[in-house]
Amino acid sequence: MSKLYGYARVSTAEQNTDRQIISLTKFGVSRENIFAEKQSGKDFKSRL
């Protein structure tokens, strides 16, 4: 039996992952298999 995993991400502190998590659970992903993060692209520093 295979497990489904989900990933929810937002890019600002004002946003939240609630809608993405709801959609993932409706798709059949168990809540404990959903990974979520909040990260801003403005904090990214390129090393080029």
Protein backbone atom coordinates (compact mmCIF):
# COMPACT_ATOMS: atom_id res chain seq x y z
CA MET A 1 0.00 0.00 0.00
CA SER A 2 1.44 3.35 -0.98
CA LYS A 3 1.30 6.53 1.08
CA LEU A 4 0.38 9.93 -0.24
CA TYR A 5 2.38 12.94 0.85
CA GLY A 6 1.56 16.60 0.40
CA TYR A 7 3.48 19.85 0.45
CA ALA A 8 1.96 23.26 1.16
CA ARG A 9 3.99 26.45 0.87
CA VAL A 10 3.37 30.16 1.10
CA SER A 11 5.85 32.93 0.48
CA THR A 12 4.78 35.66 2.92
CA ALA A 13 3.99 35.75 6.62
CA GLU A 14 0.56 37.20 5.84
CA GLN A 15 -0.48 34.14 3.83
CA ASN A 16 -1.47 30.81 5.34
CA THR A 17 -1.51 27.24 4.15
CA ASP A 18 -5.07 26.41 5.27
CA ARG A 19 -6.66 26.23 1.80
CA GLN A 20 -3.82 24.12 0.44
CA ILE A 21 -4.02 21.71 3.38
CA ILE A 22 -7.81 21.40 2.98
CA SER A 23 -7.35 20.59 -0.73
CA LEU A 24 -4.67 18.01 0.02
CA THR A 25 -6.84 16.24 2.61
CA LYS A 26 -9.77 16.19 0.15
CA PHE A 27 -7.41 14.54 -2.32
CA GLY A 28 -6.73 11.82 0.25
CA VAL A 29 -3.50 12.91 1.90
CA SER A 30 -3.47 12.23 5.65
CA ARG A 31 -2.87 15.30 7.80
CA GLU A 32 0.28 13.74 9.30
CA ASN A 33 1.72 13.35 5.77
CA ILE A 34 1.39 17.02 4.84
CA PHE A 35 4.47 19.17 5.12
CA ALA A 36 4.01 22.93 5.23
CA GLU A 37 6.40 25.87 5.26
CA LYS A 38 6.42 29.63 5.07
CA GLN A 39 9.40 31.13 3.34
CA SER A 40 10.03 34.44 1.69
CA GLY A 41 11.98 34.77 -1.53
CA LYS A 42 13.33 38.12 -0.36
CA ASP A 43 15.52 36.27 2.16
CA PHE A 44 17.16 34.18 -0.55
CA LYS A 45 20.78 35.11 -1.27
CA SER A 46 22.32 33.81 -4.47
CA ARG A 47 25.97 32.76 -4.50
CA LEU A 48 26.52 33.33 -8.21
